[in-house]
Amino acid sequence: MSTISYDDSTWILSSSFIIFTMQTGFSLLESGACGKKNEVNIMMKNLVDVILGGLFYWAVGYGLQVRFSCEQILPNLPSLSSIH
């Protein structure tokens, strides 16, 4: 497994900053296109979108990215083949 260099970290952080800026811009665009009474609903929808996206990436995506197995995270968990 290779080590992560400063260039890799800088690229990932700058890319994630750009993505979050795009998410903010899209929510402003979307709230400007709807009526005044729906602005809070649009902002909450976009906030939930960011939170759930981060949680699902943490729960599933990162493990797929670096090929974790369940034994590395929870070593004392019984495997499915041992359950009768």
C-alpha atoms as a PDB file:
ATOM      1  CA  MET A   1       0.000   0.000   0.000  1.00  0.00           C
ATOM      2  CA  SER A   2       1.453   3.331  -0.996  1.00  0.00           C
ATOM      3  CA  THR A   3       1.658   6.314   1.297  1.00  0.00           C
ATOM      4  CA  ILE A   4      -0.346   9.487   0.751  1.00  0.00           C
ATOM      5  CA  SER A   5       1.783  12.471  -0.193  1.00  0.00           C
ATOM      6  CA  TYR A   6       1.102  16.138   0.516  1.00  0.00           C
ATOM      7  CA  ASP A   7       0.106  16.609  -3.110  1.00  0.00           C
ATOM      8  CA  ASP A   8      -2.577  13.923  -2.798  1.00  0.00           C
ATOM      9  CA  SER A   9      -3.955  15.460   0.382  1.00  0.00           C
ATOM     10  CA  THR A  10      -3.999  18.930  -1.155  1.00  0.00           C
ATOM     11  CA  TRP A  11      -5.830  17.645  -4.223  1.00  0.00           C
ATOM     12  CA  ILE A  12      -8.463  15.832  -2.157  1.00  0.00           C
ATOM     13  CA  LEU A  13      -9.053  18.811   0.159  1.00  0.00           C
ATOM     14  CA  SER A  14      -9.285  21.321  -2.686  1.00  0.00           C
ATOM     15  CA  SER A  15     -11.643  19.051  -4.628  1.00  0.00           C
ATOM     16  CA  SER A  16     -13.910  18.574  -1.621  1.00  0.00           C
ATOM     17  CA  PHE A  17     -13.940  22.346  -1.039  1.00  0.00           C
ATOM     18  CA  ILE A  18     -15.051  22.885  -4.634  1.00  0.00           C
ATOM     19  CA  ILE A  19     -17.798  20.258  -4.287  1.00  0.00           C
ATOM     20  CA  PHE A  20     -19.157  21.843  -1.104  1.00  0.00           C
ATOM     21  CA  THR A  21     -19.064  25.261  -2.784  1.00  0.00           C
ATOM     22  CA  MET A  22     -21.061  23.824  -5.677  1.00  0.00           C
ATOM     23  CA  GLN A  23     -23.588  22.367  -3.230  1.00  0.00           C
ATOM     24  CA  THR A  24     -24.008  25.779  -1.589  1.00  0.00           C
ATOM     25  CA  GLY A  25     -24.411  27.510  -4.941  1.00  0.00           C
ATOM     26  CA  PHE A  26     -26.982  24.970  -6.066  1.00  0.00           C
ATOM     27  CA  SER A  27     -29.023  25.441  -2.899  1.00  0.00           C
ATOM     28  CA  LEU A  28     -28.991  29.227  -3.419  1.00  0.00           C
ATOM     29  CA  LEU A  29     -30.044  28.769  -7.043  1.00  0.00           C
ATOM     30  CA  GLU A  30     -32.793  26.354  -6.059  1.00  0.00           C
ATOM     31  CA  SER A  31     -34.139  28.578  -3.271  1.00  0.00           C
ATOM     32  CA  GLY A  32     -34.140  31.563  -5.631  1.00  0.00           C
ATOM     33  CA  ALA A  33     -36.234  29.649  -8.143  1.00  0.00           C
ATOM     34  CA  CYS A  34     -38.990  28.780  -5.651  1.00  0.00           C
ATOM     35  CA  GLY A  35     -41.327  30.835  -3.538  1.00  0.00           C
ATOM     36  CA  LYS A  36     -40.304  32.517  -0.294  1.00  0.00           C
ATOM     37  CA  LYS A  37     -42.236  30.044   1.875  1.00  0.00           C
ATOM     38  CA  ASN A  38     -40.238  27.069   0.533  1.00  0.00           C
ATOM     39  CA  GLU A  39     -36.731  28.447   1.125  1.00  0.00           C
ATOM     40  CA  VAL A  40     -36.307  26.756   4.506  1.00  0.00           C
ATOM     41  CA  ASN A  41     -37.463  23.428   3.064  1.00  0.00           C
ATOM     42  CA  ILE A  42     -34.944  23.696   0.223  1.00  0.00           C
ATOM     43  CA  MET A  43     -32.086  24.553   2.591  1.00  0.00           C
ATOM     44  CA  MET A  44     -32.983  21.687   4.947  1.00  0.00           C
ATOM     45  CA  LYS A  45     -33.196  19.277   2.004  1.00  0.00           C
ATOM     46  CA  ASN A  46     -29.720  20.275   0.875  1.00  0.00           C
ATOM     47  CA  LEU A  47     -28.350  20.051   4.419  1.00  0.00           C
ATOM     48  CA  VAL A  48     -29.779  16.557   4.829  1.00  0.00           C
ATOM     49  CA  ASP A  49     -28.322  15.678   1.426  1.00  0.00           C
ATOM     50  CA  VAL A  50     -24.812  16.634   2.590  1.00  0.00           C
ATOM     51  CA  ILE A  51     -25.182  14.899   5.969  1.00  0.00           C
ATOM     52  CA  LEU A  52     -26.579  11.639   4.575  1.00  0.00           C
ATOM     53  CA  GLY A  53     -24.047  11.659   1.740  1.00  0.00           C
ATOM     54  CA  GLY A  54     -21.211  11.964   4.244  1.00  0.00           C
ATOM     55  CA  LEU A  55     -22.633   9.269   6.507  1.00  0.00           C
ATOM     56  CA  PHE A  56     -23.194   6.815   3.666  1.00  0.00           C
ATOM     57  CA  TYR A  57     -19.705   7.462   2.332  1.00  0.00           C
ATOM     58  CA  TRP A  58     -18.306   6.852   5.814  1.00  0.00           C
ATOM     59  CA  ALA A  59     -20.360   3.664   6.256  1.00  0.00           C
ATOM     60  CA  VAL A  60     -20.018   2.127   2.790  1.00  0.00           C
ATOM     61  CA  GLY A  61     -17.975   4.132   0.310  1.00  0.00           C
ATOM     62  CA  TYR A  62     -14.711   4.377   2.196  1.00  0.00           C
ATOM     63  CA  GLY A  63     -14.676   0.644   2.840  1.00  0.00           C
ATOM     64  CA  LEU A  64     -15.193  -0.002  -0.864  1.00  0.00           C
ATOM     65  CA  GLN A  65     -12.506   2.516  -1.735  1.00  0.00           C
ATOM     66  CA  VAL A  66      -9.767   0.998   0.428  1.00  0.00           C
ATOM     67  CA  ARG A  67     -11.195  -2.554   0.514  1.00  0.00           C
ATOM     68  CA  PHE A  68     -11.752  -2.890   4.235  1.00  0.00           C
ATOM     69  CA  SER A  69     -13.214  -6.069   5.581  1.00  0.00           C
ATOM     70  CA  CYS A  70     -15.549  -6.269   8.559  1.00  0.00           C
ATOM     71  CA  GLU A  71     -12.887  -8.109  10.554  1.00  0.00           C
ATOM     72  CA  GLN A  72     -10.601  -5.080  10.426  1.00  0.00           C
ATOM     73  CA  ILE A  73     -13.281  -2.810  11.887  1.00  0.00           C
ATOM     74  CA  LEU A  74     -14.969  -5.197  14.350  1.00  0.00           C
ATOM     75  CA  PRO A  75     -12.622  -8.162  14.925  1.00  0.00           C
ATOM     76  CA  ASN A  76     -14.823 -10.078  17.404  1.00  0.00           C
ATOM     77  CA  LEU A  77     -17.906 -10.227  15.199  1.00  0.00           C
ATOM     78  CA  PRO A  78     -18.934 -13.764  14.198  1.00  0.00           C
ATOM     79  CA  SER A  79     -18.917 -14.464  10.488  1.00  0.00           C
ATOM     80  CA  LEU A  80     -22.132 -15.306   8.659  1.00  0.00           C
ATOM     81  CA  SER A  81     -20.908 -18.813   7.889  1.00  0.00           C
ATOM     82  CA  SER A  82     -20.603 -19.642  11.611  1.00  0.00           C
ATOM     83  CA  ILE A  83     -24.266 -18.805  12.345  1.00  0.00           C
ATOM     84  CA  HIS A  84     -26.507 -21.887  12.072  1.00  0.00           C
END
